[in-house]
Every structure is written in C-alpha cells, then in structure tokens.
C-alpha cells in the first residue's frame, strides 16, 4: 500500500517506508509464531501433568497407570485426596465421603459403604 499510494502524487516510491513496514510485519509474524508455539507446548505439558493417574493392582503388584486405560475388574488403591476414576467399587476399608462436584457439576457429597 505504501508503494501504490506514494506513486499517486507524481513522486517516486517511498522505499524506506515500504521496507520498514515489511520488516515490522516479518518481526511481528516471527514473534507471534514463537509465542503461539510456546503456549501450545505449555498446554501440552499441563495436560500431561494433570492427566488422572491411579494405582492399579496388576500381576500382583501396584502399578501407577493412566486412569483412562483401566478396564472392568481392575483393583485400584486409593488414599486421602486421590482422584477416583468413575465406576469404582469399594471392596474393603472404612466408609468414604466423596465430593462428586467434578462429575456432577454440583457439590453433592455422598456417603459410600461396602
């Protein structure tokens, strides 16, 4: 636009403005690309850290694994403040109070017994 508009008054093109604008556009594009890439990497790292994990009894040993790969019949170990994968059944232990707000979108607290 700087080149086209400068030629309208009978004057020669304003190359300094044209080159300056192109340089600023290239710098802005480069910075935007780097920032977007860094933001994407940060989100991926957060998602990996926040993925629910659980301790599951397999082959006679407790192993920490992703909750997403649990199958019916897996026995999991839970402790205070653990996030319990859905559809878990309490086999033994003391009665539990569970805050189901994250799964029910309200602050319903349920009492679970054997």
PDB file of N, CA and C in Angstrom:
ATOM      1  N   UNK A   1       0.827  -1.193   0.000  1.00  0.00           N
ATOM      2  CA  UNK A   1       0.000   0.000   0.000  1.00  0.00           C
ATOM      3  C   UNK A   1       0.867   1.251   0.000  1.00  0.00           C
ATOM      4  N   UNK A   2       1.999   1.204   0.737  1.00  0.00           N
ATOM      5  CA  UNK A   2       2.861   2.379   0.798  1.00  0.00           C
ATOM      6  C   UNK A   2       3.426   2.717  -0.581  1.00  0.00           C
ATOM      7  N   UNK A   3       3.764   1.714  -1.369  1.00  0.00           N
ATOM      8  CA  UNK A   3       4.318   1.944  -2.706  1.00  0.00           C
ATOM      9  C   UNK A   3       3.238   2.492  -3.644  1.00  0.00           C
ATOM     10  N   UNK A   4       2.042   1.915  -3.611  1.00  0.00           N
ATOM     11  CA  UNK A   4       0.959   2.340  -4.506  1.00  0.00           C
ATOM     12  C   UNK A   4       0.512   3.756  -4.188  1.00  0.00           C
ATOM     13  N   UNK A   5       0.315   4.067  -2.918  1.00  0.00           N
ATOM     14  CA  UNK A   5      -0.163   5.405  -2.543  1.00  0.00           C
ATOM     15  C   UNK A   5       0.887   6.480  -2.772  1.00  0.00           C
ATOM     16  N   UNK A   6       2.160   6.132  -2.648  1.00  0.00           N
ATOM     17  CA  UNK A   6       3.210   7.134  -2.853  1.00  0.00           C
ATOM     18  C   UNK A   6       3.315   7.538  -4.319  1.00  0.00           C
ATOM     19  N   UNK A   7       2.953   6.664  -5.235  1.00  0.00           N
ATOM     20  CA  UNK A   7       3.045   6.978  -6.671  1.00  0.00           C
ATOM     21  C   UNK A   7       1.896   7.852  -7.149  1.00  0.00           C
ATOM     22  N   UNK A   8       0.880   8.059  -6.380  1.00  0.00           N
ATOM     23  CA  UNK A   8      -0.268   8.841  -6.806  1.00  0.00           C
ATOM     24  C   UNK A   8       0.014  10.323  -6.939  1.00  0.00           C
ATOM     25  N   UNK A   9       0.974  10.868  -6.226  1.00  0.00           N
ATOM     26  CA  UNK A   9       1.253  12.303  -6.261  1.00  0.00           C
ATOM     27  C   UNK A   9       2.329  12.675  -7.255  1.00  0.00           C
ATOM     28  N   UNK A  10       2.701  11.790  -8.130  1.00  0.00           N
ATOM     29  CA  UNK A  10       3.732  12.084  -9.106  1.00  0.00           C
ATOM     30  C   UNK A  10       5.128  11.944  -8.541  1.00  0.00           C
ATOM     31  N   UNK A  11       5.258  11.492  -7.314  1.00  0.00           N
ATOM     32  CA  UNK A  11       6.572  11.308  -6.700  1.00  0.00           C
ATOM     33  C   UNK A  11       7.006   9.854  -6.863  1.00  0.00           C
ATOM     34  N   UNK A  12       8.267   9.618  -6.649  1.00  0.00           N
ATOM     35  CA  UNK A  12       8.809   8.253  -6.695  1.00  0.00           C
ATOM     36  C   UNK A  12       8.352   7.450  -5.480  1.00  0.00           C
ATOM     37  N   UNK A  13       8.424   6.130  -5.564  1.00  0.00           N
ATOM     38  CA  UNK A  13       8.001   5.283  -4.438  1.00  0.00           C
ATOM     39  C   UNK A  13       8.835   5.554  -3.184  1.00  0.00           C
ATOM     40  N   UNK A  14       8.192   5.434  -2.052  1.00  0.00           N
ATOM     41  CA  UNK A  14       8.857   5.646  -0.761  1.00  0.00           C
ATOM     42  C   UNK A  14       9.370   4.287  -0.255  1.00  0.00           C
ATOM     43  N   UNK A  15      10.542   3.903  -0.743  1.00  0.00           N
ATOM     44  CA  UNK A  15      11.089   2.575  -0.439  1.00  0.00           C
ATOM     45  C   UNK A  15      11.435   2.408   1.027  1.00  0.00           C
ATOM     46  N   UNK A  16      11.836   3.461   1.703  1.00  0.00           N
ATOM     47  CA  UNK A  16      12.186   3.329   3.119  1.00  0.00           C
ATOM     48  C   UNK A  16      10.965   2.912   3.948  1.00  0.00           C
ATOM     49  N   UNK A  17       9.835   3.548   3.698  1.00  0.00           N
ATOM     50  CA  UNK A  17       8.618   3.167   4.424  1.00  0.00           C
ATOM     51  C   UNK A  17       8.202   1.738   4.088  1.00  0.00           C
ATOM     52  N   UNK A  18       8.274   1.401   2.789  1.00  0.00           N
ATOM     53  CA  UNK A  18       7.895   0.059   2.354  1.00  0.00           C
ATOM     54  C   UNK A  18       8.752  -1.011   3.038  1.00  0.00           C
ATOM     55  N   UNK A  19      10.053  -0.835   3.029  1.00  0.00           N
ATOM     56  CA  UNK A  19      10.970  -1.806   3.643  1.00  0.00           C
ATOM     57  C   UNK A  19      10.773  -1.835   5.153  1.00  0.00           C
ATOM     58  N   UNK A  20      10.547  -0.671   5.753  1.00  0.00           N
ATOM     59  CA  UNK A  20      10.302  -0.625   7.205  1.00  0.00           C
ATOM     60  C   UNK A  20       9.044  -1.387   7.597  1.00  0.00           C
ATOM     61  N   UNK A  21       7.969  -1.196   6.828  1.00  0.00           N
ATOM     62  CA  UNK A  21       6.712  -1.892   7.124  1.00  0.00           C
ATOM     63  C   UNK A  21       6.880  -3.393   6.934  1.00  0.00           C
ATOM     64  N   UNK A  22       7.541  -3.824   5.866  1.00  0.00           N
ATOM     65  CA  UNK A  22       7.768  -5.258   5.620  1.00  0.00           C
ATOM     66  C   UNK A  22       8.600  -5.868   6.747  1.00  0.00           C
ATOM     67  N   UNK A  23       9.642  -5.163   7.183  1.00  0.00           N
ATOM     68  CA  UNK A  23      10.475  -5.673   8.289  1.00  0.00           C
ATOM     69  C   UNK A  23       9.647  -5.820   9.570  1.00  0.00           C
ATOM     70  N   UNK A  24       8.811  -4.826   9.875  1.00  0.00           N
ATOM     71  CA  UNK A  24       7.972  -4.922  11.076  1.00  0.00           C
ATOM     72  C   UNK A  24       6.984  -6.078  10.979  1.00  0.00           C
ATOM     73  N   UNK A  25       6.413  -6.295   9.805  1.00  0.00           N
ATOM     74  CA  UNK A  25       5.491  -7.417   9.620  1.00  0.00           C
ATOM     75  C   UNK A  25       6.197  -8.761   9.812  1.00  0.00           C
ATOM     76  N   UNK A  26       7.401  -8.878   9.283  1.00  0.00           N
ATOM     77  CA  UNK A  26       8.156 -10.131   9.434  1.00  0.00           C
ATOM     78  C   UNK A  26       8.525 -10.358  10.901  1.00  0.00           C
ATOM     79  N   UNK A  27       8.972  -9.318  11.579  1.00  0.00           N
ATOM     80  CA  UNK A  27       9.322  -9.439  13.008  1.00  0.00           C
ATOM     81  C   UNK A  27       8.090  -9.810  13.822  1.00  0.00           C
ATOM     82  N   UNK A  28       6.962  -9.151  13.547  1.00  0.00           N
ATOM     83  CA  UNK A  28       5.717  -9.431  14.270  1.00  0.00           C
ATOM     84  C   UNK A  28       5.261 -10.870  14.026  1.00  0.00           C
ATOM     85  N   UNK A  29       5.345 -11.337  12.793  1.00  0.00           N
ATOM     86  CA  UNK A  29       4.948 -12.713  12.470  1.00  0.00           C
ATOM     87  C   UNK A  29       5.839 -13.724  13.179  1.00  0.00           C
ATOM     88  N   UNK A  30       7.125 -13.463  13.207  1.00  0.00           N
ATOM     89  CA  UNK A  30       8.069 -14.373  13.861  1.00  0.00           C
ATOM     90  C   UNK A  30       7.797 -14.451  15.360  1.00  0.00           C
ATOM     91  N   UNK A  31       7.612 -13.312  15.993  1.00  0.00           N
ATOM     92  CA  UNK A  31       7.335 -13.292  17.437  1.00  0.00           C
ATOM     93  C   UNK A  31       6.012 -13.990  17.732  1.00  0.00           C
ATOM     94  N   UNK A  32       4.989 -13.752  16.921  1.00  0.00           N
ATOM     95  CA  UNK A  32       3.692 -14.404  17.120  1.00  0.00           C
ATOM     96  C   UNK A  32       3.807 -15.913  16.985  1.00  0.00           C
ATOM     97  N   UNK A  33       4.557 -16.386  15.999  1.00  0.00           N
ATOM     98  CA  UNK A  33       4.740 -17.824  15.804  1.00  0.00           C
ATOM     99  C   UNK A  33       5.437 -18.446  17.005  1.00  0.00           C
ATOM    100  N   UNK A  34       6.494 -17.802  17.490  1.00  0.00           N
ATOM    101  CA  UNK A  34       7.235 -18.337  18.638  1.00  0.00           C
ATOM    102  C   UNK A  34       6.355 -18.375  19.882  1.00  0.00           C
ATOM    103  N   UNK A  35       5.605 -17.309  20.135  1.00  0.00           N
ATOM    104  CA  UNK A  35       4.724 -17.265  21.306  1.00  0.00           C
ATOM    105  C   UNK A  35       3.619 -18.325  21.220  1.00  0.00           C
ATOM    106  N   UNK A  36       3.049 -18.494  20.046  1.00  0.00           N
ATOM    107  CA  UNK A  36       1.998 -19.497  19.866  1.00  0.00           C
ATOM    108  C   UNK A  36       2.555 -20.906  20.073  1.00  0.00           C
ATOM    109  N   UNK A  37       3.739 -21.150  19.585  1.00  0.00           N
ATOM    110  CA  UNK A  37       4.386 -22.448  19.765  1.00  0.00           C
ATOM    111  C   UNK A  37       4.673 -22.711  21.239  1.00  0.00           C
ATOM    112  N   UNK A  38       5.176 -21.705  21.944  1.00  0.00           N
ATOM    113  CA  UNK A  38       5.451 -21.862  23.379  1.00  0.00           C
ATOM    114  C   UNK A  38       4.173 -22.103  24.169  1.00  0.00           C
ATOM    115  N   UNK A  39       3.104 -21.404  23.811  1.00  0.00           N
ATOM    116  CA  UNK A  39       1.827 -21.596  24.503  1.00  0.00           C
ATOM    117  C   UNK A  39       1.298 -23.006  24.265  1.00  0.00           C
ATOM    118  N   UNK A  40       1.420 -23.503  23.049  1.00  0.00           N
ATOM    119  CA  UNK A  40       0.980 -24.863  22.746  1.00  0.00           C
ATOM    120  C   UNK A  40       1.774 -25.893  23.518  1.00  0.00           C
ATOM    121  N   UNK A  41       3.082 -25.692  23.644  1.00  0.00           N
ATOM    122  CA  UNK A  41       3.923 -26.614  24.410  1.00  0.00           C
ATOM    123  C   UNK A  41       3.563 -26.576  25.889  1.00  0.00           C
ATOM    124  N   UNK A  42       3.258 -25.387  26.413  1.00  0.00           N
ATOM    125  CA  UNK A  42       2.890 -25.270  27.827  1.00  0.00           C
ATOM    126  C   UNK A  42       1.573 -25.982  28.104  1.00  0.00           C
ATOM    127  N   UNK A  43       0.610 -25.828  27.216  1.00  0.00           N
ATOM    128  CA  UNK A  43      -0.683 -26.506  27.396  1.00  0.00           C
ATOM    129  C   UNK A  43      -0.499 -28.016  27.342  1.00  0.00           C
ATOM    130  N   UNK A  44       0.307 -28.501  26.419  1.00  0.00           N
ATOM    131  CA  UNK A  44       0.550 -29.947  26.317  1.00  0.00           C
ATOM    132  C   UNK A  44       1.218 -30.479  27.586  1.00  0.00           C
ATOM    133  N   UNK A  45       2.162 -29.716  28.132  1.00  0.00           N
ATOM    134  CA  UNK A  45       2.828 -30.143  29.363  1.00  0.00           C
ATOM    135  C   UNK A  45       1.857 -30.164  30.542  1.00  0.00           C
ATOM    136  N   UNK A  46       0.986 -29.160  30.633  1.00  0.00           N
ATOM    137  CA  UNK A  46      -0.012 -29.135  31.704  1.00  0.00           C
ATOM    138  C   UNK A  46      -0.989 -30.297  31.579  1.00  0.00           C
ATOM    139  N   UNK A  47      -1.431 -30.580  30.379  1.00  0.00           N
ATOM    140  CA  UNK A  47      -2.364 -31.688  30.177  1.00  0.00           C
ATOM    141  C   UNK A  47      -1.721 -33.017  30.578  1.00  0.00           C
ATOM    142  N   UNK A  48      -0.441 -33.174  30.279  1.00  0.00           N
ATOM    143  CA  UNK A  48       0.251 -34.410  30.639  1.00  0.00           C
ATOM    144  C   UNK A  48       0.373 -34.542  32.156  1.00  0.00           C
ATOM    145  N   UNK A  49       0.623 -33.435  32.844  1.00  0.00           N
ATOM    146  CA  UNK A  49       0.769 -33.474  34.300  1.00  0.00           C
ATOM    147  C   UNK A  49      -0.565 -33.655  35.005  1.00  0.00           C
ATOM    148  N   UNK A  50      -1.646 -33.136  34.406  1.00  0.00           N
ATOM    149  CA  UNK A  50      -2.942 -33.187  35.051  1.00  0.00           C
ATOM    150  C   UNK A  50      -3.761 -34.419  34.664  1.00  0.00           C
ATOM    151  N   UNK A  51      -3.235 -35.254  33.788  1.00  0.00           N
ATOM    152  CA  UNK A  51      -3.959 -36.459  33.395  1.00  0.00           C
ATOM    153  C   UNK A  51      -4.126 -37.348  34.623  1.00  0.00           C
ATOM    154  N   UNK A  52      -5.354 -37.798  34.903  1.00  0.00           N
ATOM    155  CA  UNK A  52      -5.573 -38.602  36.101  1.00  0.00           C
ATOM    156  C   UNK A  52      -4.810 -39.921  36.042  1.00  0.00           C
ATOM    157  N   UNK A  53      -4.110 -40.180  37.105  1.00  0.00           N
ATOM    158  CA  UNK A  53      -3.373 -41.432  37.247  1.00  0.00           C
ATOM    159  C   UNK A  53      -3.916 -42.153  38.470  1.00  0.00           C
ATOM    160  N   UNK A  54      -3.759 -43.453  38.490  1.00  0.00           N
ATOM    161  CA  UNK A  54      -4.225 -44.235  39.615  1.00  0.00           C
ATOM    162  C   UNK A  54      -3.287 -45.410  39.830  1.00  0.00           C
ATOM    163  N   UNK A  55      -3.314 -45.951  41.048  1.00  0.00           N
ATOM    164  CA  UNK A  55      -2.529 -47.147  41.353  1.00  0.00           C
ATOM    165  C   UNK A  55      -3.436 -48.348  41.173  1.00  0.00           C
ATOM    166  N   UNK A  56      -3.046 -49.245  40.294  1.00  0.00           N
ATOM    167  CA  UNK A  56      -3.869 -50.401  39.964  1.00  0.00           C
ATOM    168  C   UNK A  56      -3.081 -51.675  40.252  1.00  0.00           C
ATOM    169  N   UNK A  57      -3.783 -52.683  40.744  1.00  0.00           N
ATOM    170  CA  UNK A  57      -3.161 -53.975  41.056  1.00  0.00           C
ATOM    171  C   UNK A  57      -3.187 -54.829  39.794  1.00  0.00           C
ATOM    172  N   UNK A  58      -2.001 -55.048  39.231  1.00  0.00           N
ATOM    173  CA  UNK A  58      -1.866 -55.894  38.048  1.00  0.00           C
ATOM    174  C   UNK A  58      -0.653 -56.786  38.237  1.00  0.00           C
ATOM    175  N   UNK A  59      -0.803 -58.027  37.892  1.00  0.00           N
ATOM    176  CA  UNK A  59       0.270 -59.026  38.040  1.00  0.00           C
ATOM    177  C   UNK A  59       0.767 -59.092  39.473  1.00  0.00           C
ATOM    178  N   UNK A  60      -0.125 -58.891  40.432  1.00  0.00           N
ATOM    179  CA  UNK A  60       0.226 -58.985  41.849  1.00  0.00           C
ATOM    180  C   UNK A  60       0.976 -57.790  42.397  1.00  0.00           C
ATOM    181  N   UNK A  61       1.155 -56.745  41.622  1.00  0.00           N
ATOM    182  CA  UNK A  61       1.893 -55.561  42.074  1.00  0.00           C
ATOM    183  C   UNK A  61       1.076 -54.306  41.782  1.00  0.00           C
ATOM    184  N   UNK A  62       1.218 -53.297  42.671  1.00  0.00           N
ATOM    185  CA  UNK A  62       0.583 -51.999  42.420  1.00  0.00           C
ATOM    186  C   UNK A  62       1.439 -51.233  41.423  1.00  0.00           C
ATOM    187  N   UNK A  63       0.808 -50.793  40.340  1.00  0.00           N
ATOM    188  CA  UNK A  63       1.493 -50.017  39.318  1.00  0.00           C
ATOM    189  C   UNK A  63       0.728 -48.725  39.099  1.00  0.00           C
ATOM    190  N   UNK A  64       1.452 -47.620  38.926  1.00  0.00           N
ATOM    191  CA  UNK A  64       0.782 -46.357  38.617  1.00  0.00           C
ATOM    192  C   UNK A  64       0.574 -46.282  37.111  1.00  0.00           C
ATOM    193  N   UNK A  65      -0.663 -46.045  36.718  1.00  0.00           N
ATOM    194  CA  UNK A  65      -1.011 -46.010  35.298  1.00  0.00           C
ATOM    195  C   UNK A  65      -2.063 -44.936  35.051  1.00  0.00           C
ATOM    196  N   UNK A  66      -2.266 -44.601  33.805  1.00  0.00           N
ATOM    197  CA  UNK A  66      -3.304 -43.635  33.444  1.00  0.00           C
ATOM    198  C   UNK A  66      -4.669 -44.220  33.756  1.00  0.00           C
ATOM    199  N   UNK A  67      -5.541 -43.401  34.311  1.00  0.00           N
ATOM    200  CA  UNK A  67      -6.888 -43.862  34.635  1.00  0.00           C
ATOM    201  C   UNK A  67      -7.680 -44.188  33.372  1.00  0.00           C
ATOM    202  N   UNK A  68      -7.293 -43.637  32.257  1.00  0.00           N
ATOM    203  CA  UNK A  68      -8.020 -43.857  31.010  1.00  0.00           C
ATOM    204  C   UNK A  68      -7.909 -45.295  30.513  1.00  0.00           C
ATOM    205  N   UNK A  69      -6.878 -46.025  30.945  1.00  0.00           N
ATOM    206  CA  UNK A  69      -6.711 -47.387  30.436  1.00  0.00           C
ATOM    207  C   UNK A  69      -7.160 -48.445  31.437  1.00  0.00           C
ATOM    208  N   UNK A  70      -7.911 -48.034  32.460  1.00  0.00           N
ATOM    209  CA  UNK A  70      -8.477 -49.016  33.386  1.00  0.00           C
ATOM    210  C   UNK A  70      -9.530 -49.841  32.661  1.00  0.00           C
ATOM    211  N   UNK A  71      -9.642 -51.091  33.063  1.00  0.00           N
ATOM    212  CA  UNK A  71     -10.655 -51.978  32.487  1.00  0.00           C
ATOM    213  C   UNK A  71     -11.510 -52.521  33.617  1.00  0.00           C
ATOM    214  N   UNK A  72     -12.727 -52.962  33.320  1.00  0.00           N
ATOM    215  CA  UNK A  72     -13.571 -53.546  34.365  1.00  0.00           C
ATOM    216  C   UNK A  72     -12.848 -54.718  35.034  1.00  0.00           C
ATOM    217  N   UNK A  73     -12.901 -54.720  36.343  1.00  0.00           N
ATOM    218  CA  UNK A  73     -12.232 -55.772  37.115  1.00  0.00           C
ATOM    219  C   UNK A  73     -10.901 -55.354  37.695  1.00  0.00           C
ATOM    220  N   UNK A  74     -10.341 -54.221  37.262  1.00  0.00           N
ATOM    221  CA  UNK A  74      -9.091 -53.739  37.848  1.00  0.00           C
ATOM    222  C   UNK A  74      -9.332 -53.343  39.294  1.00  0.00           C
ATOM    223  N   UNK A  75      -8.372 -53.641  40.140  1.00  0.00           N
ATOM    224  CA  UNK A  75      -8.436 -53.245  41.552  1.00  0.00           C
ATOM    225  C   UNK A  75      -7.493 -52.064  41.724  1.00  0.00           C
ATOM    226  N   UNK A  76      -8.062 -50.950  42.236  1.00  0.00           N
ATOM    227  CA  UNK A  76      -7.263 -49.743  42.417  1.00  0.00           C
ATOM    228  C   UNK A  76      -7.057 -49.477  43.899  1.00  0.00           C
ATOM    229  N   UNK A  77      -5.972 -48.800  44.215  1.00  0.00           N
ATOM    230  CA  UNK A  77      -5.660 -48.396  45.586  1.00  0.00           C
ATOM    231  C   UNK A  77      -5.883 -46.893  45.680  1.00  0.00           C
ATOM    232  N   UNK A  78      -6.612 -46.462  46.719  1.00  0.00           N
ATOM    233  CA  UNK A  78      -6.861 -45.032  46.892  1.00  0.00           C
ATOM    234  C   UNK A  78      -6.426 -44.597  48.275  1.00  0.00           C
ATOM    235  N   UNK A  79      -6.103 -43.339  48.389  1.00  0.00           N
ATOM    236  CA  UNK A  79      -5.764 -42.741  49.680  1.00  0.00           C
ATOM    237  C   UNK A  79      -6.388 -41.357  49.743  1.00  0.00           C
ATOM    238  N   UNK A  80      -6.218 -40.693  50.836  1.00  0.00           N
ATOM    239  CA  UNK A  80      -6.801 -39.378  51.051  1.00  0.00           C
ATOM    240  C   UNK A  80      -6.400 -38.415  49.937  1.00  0.00           C
ATOM    241  N   UNK A  81      -7.364 -37.677  49.412  1.00  0.00           N
ATOM    242  CA  UNK A  81      -7.196 -36.652  48.375  1.00  0.00           C
ATOM    243  C   UNK A  81      -6.922 -37.224  46.984  1.00  0.00           C
ATOM    244  N   UNK A  82      -7.019 -38.520  46.786  1.00  0.00           N
ATOM    245  CA  UNK A  82      -6.861 -39.092  45.451  1.00  0.00           C
ATOM    246  C   UNK A  82      -8.088 -38.787  44.609  1.00  0.00           C
ATOM    247  N   UNK A  83      -7.880 -38.671  43.323  1.00  0.00           N
ATOM    248  CA  UNK A  83      -8.988 -38.567  42.385  1.00  0.00           C
ATOM    249  C   UNK A  83      -9.343 -39.987  41.988  1.00  0.00           C
ATOM    250  N   UNK A  84     -10.585 -40.362  42.247  1.00  0.00           N
ATOM    251  CA  UNK A  84     -11.008 -41.738  41.998  1.00  0.00           C
ATOM    252  C   UNK A  84     -11.619 -41.819  40.609  1.00  0.00           C
ATOM    253  N   UNK A  85     -11.139 -42.749  39.805  1.00  0.00           N
ATOM    254  CA  UNK A  85     -11.770 -42.920  38.487  1.00  0.00           C
ATOM    255  C   UNK A  85     -13.234 -43.312  38.661  1.00  0.00           C
ATOM    256  N   UNK A  86     -14.079 -42.888  37.747  1.00  0.00           N
ATOM    257  CA  UNK A  86     -15.502 -43.196  37.868  1.00  0.00           C
ATOM    258  C   UNK A  86     -15.744 -44.688  37.763  1.00  0.00           C
ATOM    259  N   UNK A  87     -16.897 -45.109  38.236  1.00  0.00           N
ATOM    260  CA  UNK A  87     -17.314 -46.507  38.219  1.00  0.00           C
ATOM    261  C   UNK A  87     -16.400 -47.408  39.045  1.00  0.00           C
ATOM    262  N   UNK A  88     -15.899 -46.909  40.156  1.00  0.00           N
ATOM    263  CA  UNK A  88     -15.092 -47.739  41.053  1.00  0.00           C
ATOM    264  C   UNK A  88     -15.990 -48.274  42.162  1.00  0.00           C
ATOM    265  N   UNK A  89     -15.698 -49.487  42.618  1.00  0.00           N
ATOM    266  CA  UNK A  89     -16.469 -50.115  43.680  1.00  0.00           C
ATOM    267  C   UNK A  89     -15.545 -50.328  44.877  1.00  0.00           C
ATOM    268  N   UNK A  90     -16.027 -49.973  46.078  1.00  0.00           N
ATOM    269  CA  UNK A  90     -15.259 -50.115  47.298  1.00  0.00           C
ATOM    270  C   UNK A  90     -15.347 -51.564  47.769  1.00  0.00           C
ATOM    271  N   UNK A  91     -14.185 -52.264  47.803  1.00  0.00           N
ATOM    272  CA  UNK A  91     -14.166 -53.667  48.206  1.00  0.00           C
ATOM    273  C   UNK A  91     -13.964 -53.821  49.707  1.00  0.00           C
ATOM    274  N   UNK A  92     -13.070 -53.013  50.272  1.00  0.00           N
ATOM    275  CA  UNK A  92     -12.823 -53.085  51.713  1.00  0.00           C
ATOM    276  C   UNK A  92     -12.303 -51.743  52.196  1.00  0.00           C
ATOM    277  N   UNK A  93     -12.387 -51.532  53.496  1.00  0.00           N
ATOM    278  CA  UNK A  93     -11.907 -50.289  54.077  1.00  0.00           C
ATOM    279  C   UNK A  93     -13.022 -49.551  54.789  1.00  0.00           C
ATOM    280  N   UNK A  94     -12.708 -48.376  55.277  1.00  0.00           N
ATOM    281  CA  UNK A  94     -13.664 -47.556  56.002  1.00  0.00           C
ATOM    282  C   UNK A  94     -14.626 -46.884  55.031  1.00  0.00           C
ATOM    283  N   UNK A  95     -15.814 -46.504  55.524  1.00  0.00           N
ATOM    284  CA  UNK A  95     -16.746 -45.759  54.663  1.00  0.00           C
ATOM    285  C   UNK A  95     -16.087 -44.466  54.170  1.00  0.00           C
ATOM    286  N   UNK A  96     -16.452 -44.054  52.985  1.00  0.00           N
ATOM    287  CA  UNK A  96     -15.858 -42.873  52.358  1.00  0.00           C
ATOM    288  C   UNK A  96     -16.885 -41.769  52.187  1.00  0.00           C
ATOM    289  N   UNK A  97     -16.419 -40.535  52.279  1.00  0.00           N
ATOM    290  CA  UNK A  97     -17.213 -39.384  51.858  1.00  0.00           C
ATOM    291  C   UNK A  97     -16.545 -38.858  50.602  1.00  0.00           C
ATOM    292  N   UNK A  98     -17.314 -38.758  49.531  1.00  0.00           N
ATOM    293  CA  UNK A  98     -16.754 -38.357  48.252  1.00  0.00           C
ATOM    294  C   UNK A  98     -17.455 -37.097  47.771  1.00  0.00           C
ATOM    295  N   UNK A  99     -16.653 -36.122  47.364  1.00  0.00           N
ATOM    296  CA  UNK A  99     -17.189 -34.905  46.763  1.00  0.00           C
ATOM    297  C   UNK A  99     -17.318 -35.166  45.273  1.00  0.00           C
ATOM    298  N   UNK A 100     -18.555 -35.232  44.786  1.00  0.00           N
ATOM    299  CA  UNK A 100     -18.802 -35.554  43.390  1.00  0.00           C
ATOM    300  C   UNK A 100     -18.989 -34.306  42.540  1.00  0.00           C
ATOM    301  N   UNK A 101     -18.511 -33.176  42.999  1.00  0.00           N
ATOM    302  CA  UNK A 101     -18.731 -31.919  42.283  1.00  0.00           C
ATOM    303  C   UNK A 101     -18.128 -31.947  40.885  1.00  0.00           C
ATOM    304  N   UNK A 102     -16.985 -32.577  40.725  1.00  0.00           N
ATOM    305  CA  UNK A 102     -16.356 -32.563  39.410  1.00  0.00           C
ATOM    306  C   UNK A 102     -17.106 -33.414  38.407  1.00  0.00           C
ATOM    307  N   UNK A 103     -17.802 -34.441  38.858  1.00  0.00           N
ATOM    308  CA  UNK A 103     -18.513 -35.288  37.899  1.00  0.00           C
ATOM    309  C   UNK A 103     -19.985 -34.914  37.762  1.00  0.00           C
ATOM    310  N   UNK A 104     -20.562 -34.269  38.773  1.00  0.00           N
ATOM    311  CA  UNK A 104     -21.983 -33.936  38.727  1.00  0.00           C
ATOM    312  C   UNK A 104     -22.258 -32.451  38.544  1.00  0.00           C
ATOM    313  N   UNK A 105     -21.216 -31.657  38.509  1.00  0.00           N
ATOM    314  CA  UNK A 105     -21.322 -30.206  38.366  1.00  0.00           C
ATOM    315  C   UNK A 105     -22.100 -29.551  39.506  1.00  0.00           C
ATOM    316  N   UNK A 106     -22.107 -30.175  40.645  1.00  0.00           N
ATOM    317  CA  UNK A 106     -22.626 -29.545  41.857  1.00  0.00           C
ATOM    318  C   UNK A 106     -21.824 -30.095  43.031  1.00  0.00           C
ATOM    319  N   UNK A 107     -22.087 -29.616  44.214  1.00  0.00           N
ATOM    320  CA  UNK A 107     -21.267 -30.022  45.357  1.00  0.00           C
ATOM    321  C   UNK A 107     -21.973 -31.092  46.181  1.00  0.00           C
ATOM    322  N   UNK A 108     -22.497 -32.101  45.537  1.00  0.00           N
ATOM    323  CA  UNK A 108     -23.154 -33.208  46.214  1.00  0.00           C
ATOM    324  C   UNK A 108     -22.096 -34.090  46.877  1.00  0.00           C
ATOM    325  N   UNK A 109     -22.222 -34.315  48.180  1.00  0.00           N
ATOM    326  CA  UNK A 109     -21.294 -35.202  48.883  1.00  0.00           C
ATOM    327  C   UNK A 109     -22.037 -36.483  49.222  1.00  0.00           C
ATOM    328  N   UNK A 110     -21.472 -37.582  48.810  1.00  0.00           N
ATOM    329  CA  UNK A 110     -22.108 -38.864  49.006  1.00  0.00           C
ATOM    330  C   UNK A 110     -21.351 -39.672  50.031  1.00  0.00           C
ATOM    331  N   UNK A 111     -22.096 -40.496  50.772  1.00  0.00           N
ATOM    332  CA  UNK A 111     -21.532 -41.424  51.745  1.00  0.00           C
ATOM    333  C   UNK A 111     -21.517 -42.802  51.113  1.00  0.00           C
ATOM    334  N   UNK A 112     -20.345 -43.422  51.021  1.00  0.00           N
ATOM    335  CA  UNK A 112     -20.249 -44.752  50.432  1.00  0.00           C
ATOM    336  C   UNK A 112     -19.889 -45.761  51.505  1.00  0.00           C
ATOM    337  N   UNK A 113     -20.560 -46.892  51.489  1.00  0.00           N
ATOM    338  CA  UNK A 113     -20.269 -48.005  52.372  1.00  0.00           C
ATOM    339  C   UNK A 113     -20.051 -49.229  51.505  1.00  0.00           C
ATOM    340  N   UNK A 114     -19.600 -50.315  52.168  1.00  0.00           N
ATOM    341  CA  UNK A 114     -19.430 -51.577  51.433  1.00  0.00           C
ATOM    342  C   UNK A 114     -20.748 -52.080  50.913  1.00  0.00           C
TER     343      UNK A 114
END
